[in-house]
Amino acid sequence: MGGTTRVPAEPHALALLRGGARAAVAVTVLDLHLRGAVRAGRPGTMRTSGPVTGAPLPALAKAVHASLYRPAGMGQLLERRAVREALGALRGDLAGVGLLRRFPPGRTRAGRRALREARSRHPLPARPDGLSAGDRVLLVALYGDRALTLLAPHFAREAGLTGRGGTTERELRPSWDRGSGGGGFTCGTV
């Protein structure tokens, strides 16, 4: 099987492929923050700060933005119905194009290859200088906490995305379905 692997176009889809639901939502929150639509609330929480500007939003971003009308930490946000449903649909989309397996849950060989190819085209820089908002979101999708702490350290810490109890590097094993019509997976290294 040679050739180029289909790499998801949306950073939150890459993040889901790399690190599961928590990673996808963290990337989505960062994207909304960089657009001026989400800010850190009380320590460890996030909230909306205004309307979303820029390009139209994918379903997960719409769900996250709408769900943050009430401030929430990452755990609460992941439990909100609209977010769970959007994650389930995204998992289904990735499974439909052969990047995720439904059972046993996890990345397919094509999914692992897609991540490797995307990382080879977009290496993590040593410094954040000169990166656009889109570049930052993509790098966090591909590299998780390392990129988040390099590219948005204050917001990530204040919003609870990193630090005590916050990480984009793990997926809760029993939460594959959680009633959302999709599936989850644990992440390995790529």
N, C-alpha and C. Protein backbone atom coordinates (compact mmCIF):
# COMPACT_ATOMS: atom_id res chain seq x y z
N MET A 1 0.83 -1.18 0.00
CA MET A 1 0.00 0.00 0.00
C MET A 1 0.87 1.24 0.00
N GLY A 2 1.26 1.72 -1.10
CA GLY A 2 2.06 2.92 -1.19
C GLY A 2 1.17 4.12 -1.39
N GLY A 3 1.77 5.23 -1.70
CA GLY A 3 1.01 6.42 -1.98
C GLY A 3 0.81 7.29 -0.75
N THR A 4 0.08 8.36 -0.99
CA THR A 4 -0.15 9.33 0.06
C THR A 4 -1.42 8.99 0.82
N THR A 5 -1.36 9.14 2.12
CA THR A 5 -2.49 8.91 2.99
C THR A 5 -3.34 10.16 3.03
N ARG A 6 -4.65 9.98 3.12
CA ARG A 6 -5.56 11.11 3.26
C ARG A 6 -5.41 11.64 4.68
N VAL A 7 -4.96 12.88 4.81
CA VAL A 7 -4.78 13.52 6.11
C VAL A 7 -5.99 14.43 6.35
N PRO A 8 -6.62 14.34 7.53
CA PRO A 8 -7.76 15.21 7.80
C PRO A 8 -7.37 16.68 7.66
N ALA A 9 -8.27 17.47 7.10
CA ALA A 9 -7.99 18.88 6.86
C ALA A 9 -8.15 19.72 8.12
N GLU A 10 -9.04 19.34 8.99
CA GLU A 10 -9.32 20.13 10.18
C GLU A 10 -8.40 19.74 11.33
N PRO A 11 -7.79 20.72 11.99
CA PRO A 11 -6.90 20.41 13.12
C PRO A 11 -7.56 19.60 14.23
N HIS A 12 -8.83 19.87 14.53
CA HIS A 12 -9.47 19.11 15.60
C HIS A 12 -9.62 17.63 15.23
N ALA A 13 -9.73 17.32 13.93
CA ALA A 13 -9.79 15.92 13.50
C ALA A 13 -8.42 15.27 13.68
N LEU A 14 -7.36 15.99 13.34
CA LEU A 14 -6.00 15.47 13.58
C LEU A 14 -5.77 15.24 15.07
N ALA A 15 -6.25 16.18 15.89
CA ALA A 15 -6.09 16.05 17.33
C ALA A 15 -6.84 14.83 17.86
N LEU A 16 -8.04 14.59 17.36
CA LEU A 16 -8.80 13.41 17.78
C LEU A 16 -8.04 12.15 17.38
N LEU A 17 -7.50 12.15 16.20
CA LEU A 17 -6.74 11.00 15.72
C LEU A 17 -5.49 10.78 16.57
N ARG A 18 -4.83 11.86 16.97
CA ARG A 18 -3.62 11.77 17.77
C ARG A 18 -3.90 11.41 19.22
N GLY A 19 -4.85 12.09 19.85
CA GLY A 19 -4.96 11.98 21.30
C GLY A 19 -6.35 11.79 21.85
N GLY A 20 -7.34 11.61 21.02
CA GLY A 20 -8.68 11.35 21.52
C GLY A 20 -9.51 12.61 21.74
N ALA A 21 -10.61 12.42 22.46
CA ALA A 21 -11.60 13.47 22.66
C ALA A 21 -11.02 14.70 23.35
N ARG A 22 -10.27 14.49 24.41
CA ARG A 22 -9.72 15.62 25.16
C ARG A 22 -8.81 16.45 24.26
N ALA A 23 -8.00 15.82 23.45
CA ALA A 23 -7.10 16.54 22.54
C ALA A 23 -7.90 17.33 21.51
N ALA A 24 -8.94 16.74 20.95
CA ALA A 24 -9.76 17.42 19.95
C ALA A 24 -10.44 18.65 20.54
N VAL A 25 -10.96 18.51 21.75
CA VAL A 25 -11.63 19.64 22.38
C VAL A 25 -10.62 20.72 22.77
N ALA A 26 -9.45 20.34 23.24
CA ALA A 26 -8.43 21.34 23.59
C ALA A 26 -8.02 22.15 22.36
N VAL A 27 -7.85 21.50 21.23
CA VAL A 27 -7.50 22.20 19.99
C VAL A 27 -8.64 23.12 19.57
N THR A 28 -9.86 22.66 19.72
CA THR A 28 -11.02 23.47 19.37
C THR A 28 -11.11 24.70 20.27
N VAL A 29 -10.90 24.51 21.57
CA VAL A 29 -10.92 25.63 22.51
C VAL A 29 -9.82 26.64 22.17
N LEU A 30 -8.63 26.16 21.86
CA LEU A 30 -7.54 27.06 21.49
C LEU A 30 -7.91 27.85 20.24
N ASP A 31 -8.46 27.19 19.24
CA ASP A 31 -8.87 27.87 18.01
C ASP A 31 -9.90 28.97 18.34
N LEU A 32 -10.89 28.65 19.16
CA LEU A 32 -11.90 29.64 19.54
C LEU A 32 -11.27 30.79 20.34
N HIS A 33 -10.32 30.46 21.19
CA HIS A 33 -9.62 31.50 21.96
C HIS A 33 -8.85 32.44 21.03
N LEU A 34 -8.15 31.88 20.07
CA LEU A 34 -7.36 32.71 19.15
C LEU A 34 -8.25 33.56 18.24
N ARG A 35 -9.51 33.16 18.08
CA ARG A 35 -10.48 33.95 17.30
C ARG A 35 -11.18 34.99 18.18
N GLY A 36 -10.88 34.99 19.48
CA GLY A 36 -11.50 35.95 20.40
C GLY A 36 -12.84 35.53 20.94
N ALA A 37 -13.20 34.26 20.79
CA ALA A 37 -14.53 33.80 21.19
C ALA A 37 -14.56 33.04 22.50
N VAL A 38 -13.40 32.65 23.03
CA VAL A 38 -13.33 31.92 24.31
C VAL A 38 -12.16 32.48 25.10
N ARG A 39 -12.36 32.58 26.40
CA ARG A 39 -11.27 33.02 27.28
C ARG A 39 -11.27 32.14 28.52
N ALA A 40 -10.19 32.23 29.27
CA ALA A 40 -10.13 31.51 30.54
C ALA A 40 -11.07 32.21 31.51
N GLY A 41 -11.73 31.39 32.33
CA GLY A 41 -12.60 31.92 33.37
C GLY A 41 -11.90 31.80 34.70
N ARG A 42 -12.66 31.41 35.73
CA ARG A 42 -12.02 31.13 37.02
C ARG A 42 -10.95 30.08 36.79
N PRO A 43 -9.98 29.96 37.68
CA PRO A 43 -8.89 29.01 37.45
C PRO A 43 -9.39 27.62 37.02
N GLY A 44 -8.85 27.17 35.90
CA GLY A 44 -9.20 25.85 35.39
C GLY A 44 -10.48 25.79 34.59
N THR A 45 -11.06 26.94 34.26
CA THR A 45 -12.30 26.93 33.48
C THR A 45 -12.17 27.81 32.25
N MET A 46 -13.13 27.65 31.35
CA MET A 46 -13.20 28.43 30.12
C MET A 46 -14.62 28.94 29.98
N ARG A 47 -14.78 29.99 29.20
CA ARG A 47 -16.11 30.54 28.94
C ARG A 47 -16.09 31.29 27.62
N THR A 48 -17.26 31.52 27.05
CA THR A 48 -17.31 32.31 25.83
C THR A 48 -17.00 33.76 26.17
N SER A 49 -16.44 34.46 25.21
CA SER A 49 -16.12 35.87 25.42
C SER A 49 -16.66 36.72 24.29
N GLY A 50 -17.39 36.13 23.40
CA GLY A 50 -17.97 36.88 22.30
C GLY A 50 -18.29 35.98 21.13
N PRO A 51 -18.78 36.58 20.07
CA PRO A 51 -19.10 35.79 18.88
C PRO A 51 -17.84 35.31 18.18
N VAL A 52 -18.01 34.32 17.34
CA VAL A 52 -16.88 33.76 16.59
C VAL A 52 -16.71 34.54 15.30
N THR A 53 -15.46 34.94 15.04
CA THR A 53 -15.16 35.64 13.80
C THR A 53 -14.29 34.74 12.93
N GLY A 54 -14.20 35.08 11.68
CA GLY A 54 -13.34 34.31 10.77
C GLY A 54 -14.14 33.27 10.01
N ALA A 55 -13.44 32.22 9.60
CA ALA A 55 -14.03 31.16 8.78
C ALA A 55 -15.19 30.48 9.49
N PRO A 56 -16.10 29.89 8.74
CA PRO A 56 -17.21 29.15 9.35
C PRO A 56 -16.68 28.04 10.26
N LEU A 57 -17.46 27.73 11.27
CA LEU A 57 -17.03 26.74 12.26
C LEU A 57 -17.46 25.33 11.91
N PRO A 58 -16.58 24.35 12.16
CA PRO A 58 -17.00 22.95 12.06
C PRO A 58 -17.93 22.62 13.23
N ALA A 59 -18.62 21.50 13.14
CA ALA A 59 -19.62 21.12 14.13
C ALA A 59 -19.07 21.06 15.55
N LEU A 60 -17.87 20.53 15.74
CA LEU A 60 -17.31 20.45 17.08
C LEU A 60 -17.08 21.84 17.66
N ALA A 61 -16.58 22.77 16.88
CA ALA A 61 -16.35 24.13 17.37
C ALA A 61 -17.67 24.81 17.72
N LYS A 62 -18.70 24.60 16.91
CA LYS A 62 -20.02 25.16 17.23
C LYS A 62 -20.51 24.61 18.56
N ALA A 63 -20.36 23.31 18.74
CA ALA A 63 -20.83 22.66 19.98
C ALA A 63 -20.05 23.16 21.19
N VAL A 64 -18.74 23.28 21.07
CA VAL A 64 -17.92 23.75 22.18
C VAL A 64 -18.28 25.20 22.52
N HIS A 65 -18.37 26.05 21.52
CA HIS A 65 -18.69 27.46 21.76
C HIS A 65 -20.06 27.58 22.43
N ALA A 66 -21.04 26.89 21.92
CA ALA A 66 -22.38 26.95 22.50
C ALA A 66 -22.39 26.39 23.93
N SER A 67 -21.59 25.37 24.18
CA SER A 67 -21.55 24.73 25.50
C SER A 67 -20.84 25.59 26.54
N LEU A 68 -20.04 26.52 26.11
CA LEU A 68 -19.31 27.36 27.07
C LEU A 68 -20.06 28.63 27.44
N TYR A 69 -21.36 28.69 27.13
CA TYR A 69 -22.14 29.82 27.62
C TYR A 69 -22.15 29.78 29.15
N ARG A 70 -22.04 28.59 29.71
CA ARG A 70 -21.80 28.42 31.15
C ARG A 70 -20.34 28.01 31.29
N PRO A 71 -19.57 28.70 32.11
CA PRO A 71 -18.16 28.34 32.27
C PRO A 71 -18.00 26.86 32.64
N ALA A 72 -16.94 26.26 32.14
CA ALA A 72 -16.72 24.83 32.41
C ALA A 72 -15.23 24.53 32.37
N GLY A 73 -14.84 23.53 33.13
CA GLY A 73 -13.52 22.95 33.01
C GLY A 73 -13.56 21.91 31.90
N MET A 74 -12.42 21.37 31.57
CA MET A 74 -12.35 20.41 30.48
C MET A 74 -13.24 19.19 30.74
N GLY A 75 -13.21 18.65 31.95
CA GLY A 75 -14.03 17.48 32.25
C GLY A 75 -15.51 17.74 32.06
N GLN A 76 -15.98 18.89 32.53
CA GLN A 76 -17.38 19.25 32.35
C GLN A 76 -17.72 19.45 30.88
N LEU A 77 -16.84 20.10 30.16
CA LEU A 77 -17.07 20.36 28.74
C LEU A 77 -17.19 19.06 27.96
N LEU A 78 -16.33 18.10 28.28
CA LEU A 78 -16.38 16.80 27.59
C LEU A 78 -17.68 16.04 27.88
N GLU A 79 -18.34 16.35 28.98
CA GLU A 79 -19.59 15.67 29.34
C GLU A 79 -20.83 16.33 28.75
N ARG A 80 -20.69 17.51 28.22
CA ARG A 80 -21.87 18.21 27.69
C ARG A 80 -22.33 17.52 26.41
N ARG A 81 -23.63 17.33 26.35
CA ARG A 81 -24.23 16.50 25.30
C ARG A 81 -23.85 16.92 23.88
N ALA A 82 -23.94 18.20 23.59
CA ALA A 82 -23.63 18.66 22.23
C ALA A 82 -22.19 18.33 21.86
N VAL A 83 -21.29 18.46 22.81
CA VAL A 83 -19.87 18.16 22.56
C VAL A 83 -19.70 16.66 22.34
N ARG A 84 -20.32 15.84 23.18
CA ARG A 84 -20.22 14.37 23.01
C ARG A 84 -20.76 13.95 21.65
N GLU A 85 -21.87 14.53 21.24
CA GLU A 85 -22.45 14.17 19.94
C GLU A 85 -21.56 14.59 18.79
N ALA A 86 -20.98 15.79 18.87
CA ALA A 86 -20.08 16.25 17.81
C ALA A 86 -18.82 15.38 17.74
N LEU A 87 -18.31 14.99 18.91
CA LEU A 87 -17.15 14.08 18.93
C LEU A 87 -17.50 12.73 18.32
N GLY A 88 -18.68 12.22 18.63
CA GLY A 88 -19.12 10.95 18.06
C GLY A 88 -19.21 11.02 16.54
N ALA A 89 -19.74 12.12 16.03
CA ALA A 89 -19.83 12.30 14.58
C ALA A 89 -18.45 12.38 13.95
N LEU A 90 -17.54 13.09 14.62
CA LEU A 90 -16.17 13.21 14.11
C LEU A 90 -15.47 11.85 14.10
N ARG A 91 -15.65 11.07 15.16
CA ARG A 91 -15.08 9.71 15.19
C ARG A 91 -15.64 8.88 14.04
N GLY A 92 -16.94 9.01 13.81
CA GLY A 92 -17.55 8.28 12.70
C GLY A 92 -16.98 8.69 11.36
N ASP A 93 -16.74 9.99 11.18
CA ASP A 93 -16.14 10.47 9.93
C ASP A 93 -14.75 9.89 9.73
N LEU A 94 -13.94 9.89 10.80
CA LEU A 94 -12.57 9.36 10.70
C LEU A 94 -12.59 7.85 10.47
N ALA A 95 -13.53 7.16 11.07
CA ALA A 95 -13.67 5.72 10.82
C ALA A 95 -14.11 5.48 9.37
N GLY A 96 -14.99 6.34 8.88
CA GLY A 96 -15.51 6.20 7.53
C GLY A 96 -14.44 6.35 6.45
N VAL A 97 -13.39 7.12 6.73
CA VAL A 97 -12.32 7.28 5.75
C VAL A 97 -11.13 6.36 6.07
N GLY A 98 -11.32 5.46 7.03
CA GLY A 98 -10.30 4.45 7.30
C GLY A 98 -9.17 4.86 8.21
N LEU A 99 -9.32 5.96 8.96
CA LEU A 99 -8.25 6.40 9.84
C LEU A 99 -8.41 5.90 11.28
N LEU A 100 -9.62 5.53 11.65
CA LEU A 100 -9.91 4.96 12.97
C LEU A 100 -10.64 3.64 12.81
N ARG A 101 -10.41 2.75 13.76
CA ARG A 101 -11.19 1.52 13.86
C ARG A 101 -12.24 1.72 14.92
N ARG A 102 -13.42 1.14 14.68
CA ARG A 102 -14.46 1.18 15.71
C ARG A 102 -14.21 0.08 16.74
N PHE A 103 -13.81 -1.09 16.26
CA PHE A 103 -13.56 -2.20 17.18
C PHE A 103 -12.47 -3.08 16.62
N PRO A 104 -11.44 -3.37 17.35
CA PRO A 104 -11.15 -2.73 18.64
C PRO A 104 -10.82 -1.27 18.39
N PRO A 105 -11.18 -0.40 19.33
CA PRO A 105 -10.98 1.03 19.10
C PRO A 105 -9.51 1.39 18.95
N GLY A 106 -9.23 2.30 18.04
CA GLY A 106 -7.87 2.78 17.85
C GLY A 106 -7.62 3.28 16.45
N ARG A 107 -6.43 3.76 16.23
CA ARG A 107 -6.02 4.22 14.91
C ARG A 107 -5.76 3.03 14.01
N THR A 108 -6.01 3.22 12.76
CA THR A 108 -5.63 2.23 11.76
C THR A 108 -4.20 2.51 11.33
N ARG A 109 -3.66 1.63 10.54
CA ARG A 109 -2.33 1.86 9.98
C ARG A 109 -2.33 3.16 9.16
N ALA A 110 -3.41 3.38 8.40
CA ALA A 110 -3.52 4.61 7.62
C ALA A 110 -3.58 5.83 8.53
N GLY A 111 -4.22 5.72 9.67
CA GLY A 111 -4.28 6.83 10.62
C GLY A 111 -2.92 7.16 11.20
N ARG A 112 -2.17 6.13 11.55
CA ARG A 112 -0.81 6.36 12.06
C ARG A 112 0.07 6.99 10.98
N ARG A 113 -0.08 6.54 9.74
CA ARG A 113 0.70 7.08 8.63
C ARG A 113 0.30 8.55 8.37
N ALA A 114 -0.98 8.86 8.45
CA ALA A 114 -1.45 10.23 8.24
C ALA A 114 -0.81 11.18 9.25
N LEU A 115 -0.75 10.75 10.52
CA LEU A 115 -0.12 11.58 11.54
C LEU A 115 1.38 11.76 11.28
N ARG A 116 2.05 10.68 10.92
CA ARG A 116 3.49 10.77 10.62
C ARG A 116 3.73 11.75 9.47
N GLU A 117 2.93 11.64 8.41
CA GLU A 117 3.09 12.51 7.25
C GLU A 117 2.84 13.97 7.61
N ALA A 118 1.79 14.22 8.40
CA ALA A 118 1.47 15.59 8.79
C ALA A 118 2.59 16.17 9.66
N ARG A 119 3.12 15.36 10.57
CA ARG A 119 4.22 15.84 11.42
C ARG A 119 5.49 16.08 10.61
N SER A 120 5.73 15.28 9.60
CA SER A 120 6.94 15.51 8.79
C SER A 120 6.82 16.81 7.99
N ARG A 121 5.62 17.19 7.60
CA ARG A 121 5.40 18.45 6.87
C ARG A 121 5.35 19.66 7.79
N HIS A 122 5.04 19.43 9.08
CA HIS A 122 4.86 20.53 10.03
C HIS A 122 5.63 20.23 11.33
N PRO A 123 6.95 20.36 11.32
CA PRO A 123 7.72 20.10 12.54
C PRO A 123 7.44 21.17 13.60
N LEU A 124 7.57 20.78 14.85
CA LEU A 124 7.38 21.71 15.96
C LEU A 124 8.60 22.61 16.06
N PRO A 125 8.42 23.93 15.93
CA PRO A 125 9.58 24.83 16.01
C PRO A 125 10.07 24.97 17.45
N ALA A 126 11.27 25.46 17.61
CA ALA A 126 11.82 25.69 18.94
C ALA A 126 11.23 26.94 19.58
N ARG A 127 10.78 27.88 18.74
CA ARG A 127 10.22 29.14 19.24
C ARG A 127 8.93 29.45 18.50
N PRO A 128 8.00 30.15 19.14
CA PRO A 128 6.71 30.44 18.51
C PRO A 128 6.71 31.65 17.58
N ASP A 129 7.83 32.30 17.42
CA ASP A 129 7.91 33.54 16.64
C ASP A 129 7.42 33.34 15.21
N GLY A 130 6.58 34.27 14.75
CA GLY A 130 6.15 34.30 13.36
C GLY A 130 5.06 33.31 12.98
N LEU A 131 4.49 32.60 13.93
CA LEU A 131 3.44 31.63 13.60
C LEU A 131 2.07 32.30 13.59
N SER A 132 1.27 31.96 12.59
CA SER A 132 -0.10 32.46 12.54
C SER A 132 -0.95 31.68 13.54
N ALA A 133 -2.15 32.16 13.77
CA ALA A 133 -3.08 31.45 14.65
C ALA A 133 -3.37 30.04 14.09
N GLY A 134 -3.53 29.94 12.79
CA GLY A 134 -3.78 28.64 12.18
C GLY A 134 -2.62 27.68 12.36
N ASP A 135 -1.39 28.21 12.25
CA ASP A 135 -0.21 27.38 12.47
C ASP A 135 -0.18 26.86 13.91
N ARG A 136 -0.50 27.73 14.85
CA ARG A 136 -0.49 27.34 16.26
C ARG A 136 -1.49 26.23 16.54
N VAL A 137 -2.68 26.38 16.00
CA VAL A 137 -3.73 25.37 16.20
C VAL A 137 -3.30 24.04 15.58
N LEU A 138 -2.77 24.07 14.37
CA LEU A 138 -2.31 22.85 13.71
C LEU A 138 -1.20 22.17 14.51
N LEU A 139 -0.24 22.94 15.00
CA LEU A 139 0.87 22.35 15.75
C LEU A 139 0.39 21.74 17.07
N VAL A 140 -0.57 22.37 17.73
CA VAL A 140 -1.13 21.78 18.95
C VAL A 140 -1.88 20.49 18.60
N ALA A 141 -2.56 20.47 17.48
CA ALA A 141 -3.25 19.25 17.05
C ALA A 141 -2.26 18.11 16.85
N LEU A 142 -1.11 18.41 16.28
CA LEU A 142 -0.12 17.37 15.96
C LEU A 142 0.77 16.97 17.14
N TYR A 143 1.04 17.91 18.05
CA TYR A 143 2.04 17.65 19.09
C TYR A 143 1.50 17.75 20.52
N GLY A 144 0.26 18.11 20.71
CA GLY A 144 -0.35 18.11 22.03
C GLY A 144 0.26 19.06 23.01
N ASP A 145 0.48 18.58 24.23
CA ASP A 145 0.93 19.43 25.34
C ASP A 145 2.24 20.14 25.06
N ARG A 146 3.17 19.50 24.38
CA ARG A 146 4.45 20.17 24.08
C ARG A 146 4.20 21.46 23.31
N ALA A 147 3.35 21.40 22.30
CA ALA A 147 3.04 22.58 21.49
C ALA A 147 2.18 23.56 22.28
N LEU A 148 1.24 23.06 23.04
CA LEU A 148 0.35 23.94 23.80
C LEU A 148 1.13 24.79 24.81
N THR A 149 2.07 24.17 25.50
CA THR A 149 2.85 24.93 26.48
C THR A 149 3.86 25.87 25.81
N LEU A 150 4.25 25.58 24.59
CA LEU A 150 5.14 26.47 23.85
C LEU A 150 4.37 27.64 23.22
N LEU A 151 3.20 27.36 22.67
CA LEU A 151 2.51 28.32 21.83
C LEU A 151 1.41 29.12 22.52
N ALA A 152 0.87 28.62 23.61
CA ALA A 152 -0.20 29.33 24.33
C ALA A 152 -0.12 29.00 25.82
N PRO A 153 1.04 29.23 26.44
CA PRO A 153 1.24 28.76 27.82
C PRO A 153 0.29 29.37 28.84
N HIS A 154 0.05 30.66 28.77
CA HIS A 154 -0.78 31.32 29.78
C HIS A 154 -2.23 30.87 29.67
N PHE A 155 -2.77 30.91 28.46
CA PHE A 155 -4.15 30.48 28.29
C PHE A 155 -4.31 29.01 28.66
N ALA A 156 -3.39 28.17 28.22
CA ALA A 156 -3.49 26.73 28.51
C ALA A 156 -3.50 26.47 30.01
N ARG A 157 -2.66 27.15 30.74
CA ARG A 157 -2.60 26.96 32.19
C ARG A 157 -3.86 27.52 32.87
N GLU A 158 -4.24 28.75 32.53
CA GLU A 158 -5.38 29.39 33.17
C GLU A 158 -6.69 28.68 32.86
N ALA A 159 -6.83 28.14 31.67
CA ALA A 159 -8.06 27.46 31.27
C ALA A 159 -8.09 26.00 31.72
N GLY A 160 -6.99 25.51 32.28
CA GLY A 160 -6.95 24.13 32.76
C GLY A 160 -6.66 23.10 31.69
N LEU A 161 -6.10 23.55 30.56
CA LEU A 161 -5.76 22.61 29.50
C LEU A 161 -4.47 21.86 29.81
N THR A 162 -3.60 22.49 30.59
CA THR A 162 -2.36 21.84 31.04
C THR A 162 -2.20 22.14 32.53
N GLY A 163 -1.19 21.59 33.12
CA GLY A 163 -0.96 21.81 34.54
C GLY A 163 -1.68 20.76 35.37
N ARG A 164 -2.05 21.11 36.59
CA ARG A 164 -2.69 20.16 37.50
C ARG A 164 -3.91 19.52 36.86
N GLY A 165 -3.80 18.26 36.54
CA GLY A 165 -4.93 17.50 36.01
C GLY A 165 -5.27 17.74 34.57
N GLY A 166 -4.66 18.70 33.90
CA GLY A 166 -4.98 18.99 32.52
C GLY A 166 -3.92 18.44 31.59
N THR A 167 -4.34 17.75 30.57
CA THR A 167 -3.42 17.25 29.55
C THR A 167 -4.20 16.89 28.31
N THR A 168 -3.57 16.95 27.17
CA THR A 168 -4.19 16.51 25.92
C THR A 168 -3.59 15.18 25.50
N GLU A 169 -2.82 14.57 26.38
CA GLU A 169 -2.05 13.39 26.01
C GLU A 169 -2.70 12.06 26.37
N ARG A 170 -3.84 12.07 27.00
CA ARG A 170 -4.44 10.79 27.35
C ARG A 170 -5.94 10.81 27.08
N GLU A 171 -6.46 9.65 26.89
CA GLU A 171 -7.89 9.46 26.65
C GLU A 171 -8.37 8.50 27.72
N LEU A 172 -9.50 8.79 28.30
CA LEU A 172 -10.05 7.90 29.31
C LEU A 172 -10.53 6.62 28.65
N ARG A 173 -9.98 5.50 29.02
CA ARG A 173 -10.26 4.25 28.33
C ARG A 173 -11.73 3.86 28.28
N PRO A 174 -12.50 3.91 29.38
CA PRO A 174 -13.87 3.45 29.28
C PRO A 174 -14.80 4.41 28.55
N SER A 175 -14.31 5.53 28.04
CA SER A 175 -15.21 6.52 27.46
C SER A 175 -15.33 6.42 25.95
N TRP A 176 -15.05 5.28 25.36
CA TRP A 176 -15.09 5.16 23.90
C TRP A 176 -16.44 5.59 23.38
N ASP A 177 -17.53 5.10 23.90
CA ASP A 177 -18.83 5.44 23.36
C ASP A 177 -19.51 6.53 24.18
N ARG A 178 -19.74 6.30 25.45
CA ARG A 178 -20.39 7.23 26.35
C ARG A 178 -21.69 7.75 25.77
N GLY A 179 -22.38 6.93 24.99
CA GLY A 179 -23.68 7.31 24.48
C GLY A 179 -23.65 8.32 23.36
N SER A 180 -22.51 8.58 22.77
CA SER A 180 -22.45 9.63 21.77
C SER A 180 -22.54 9.10 20.35
N GLY A 181 -22.71 7.81 20.21
CA GLY A 181 -22.82 7.25 18.88
C GLY A 181 -21.49 7.06 18.19
N GLY A 182 -20.43 7.36 18.85
CA GLY A 182 -19.10 7.21 18.26
C GLY A 182 -18.27 6.32 19.13
N GLY A 183 -16.99 6.46 19.02
CA GLY A 183 -16.12 5.64 19.84
C GLY A 183 -14.88 6.40 20.20
N GLY A 184 -14.18 5.91 21.19
CA GLY A 184 -12.94 6.52 21.65
C GLY A 184 -11.82 5.53 21.49
N PHE A 185 -10.64 5.92 21.90
CA PHE A 185 -9.51 5.04 21.78
C PHE A 185 -8.42 5.54 22.67
N THR A 186 -7.52 4.68 22.96
CA THR A 186 -6.36 5.15 23.69
C THR A 186 -5.31 5.49 22.67
N CYS A 187 -4.44 6.39 23.00
CA CYS A 187 -3.48 6.81 22.00
C CYS A 187 -2.12 6.24 22.31
N GLY A 188 -1.44 5.87 21.29
CA GLY A 188 -0.06 5.42 21.40
C GLY A 188 0.82 6.48 20.79
N THR A 189 2.07 6.22 20.76
CA THR A 189 2.95 7.19 20.13
C THR A 189 3.02 6.92 18.64
N VAL A 190 3.27 7.96 17.92
CA VAL A 190 3.39 7.83 16.46
C VAL A 190 4.82 8.08 16.07
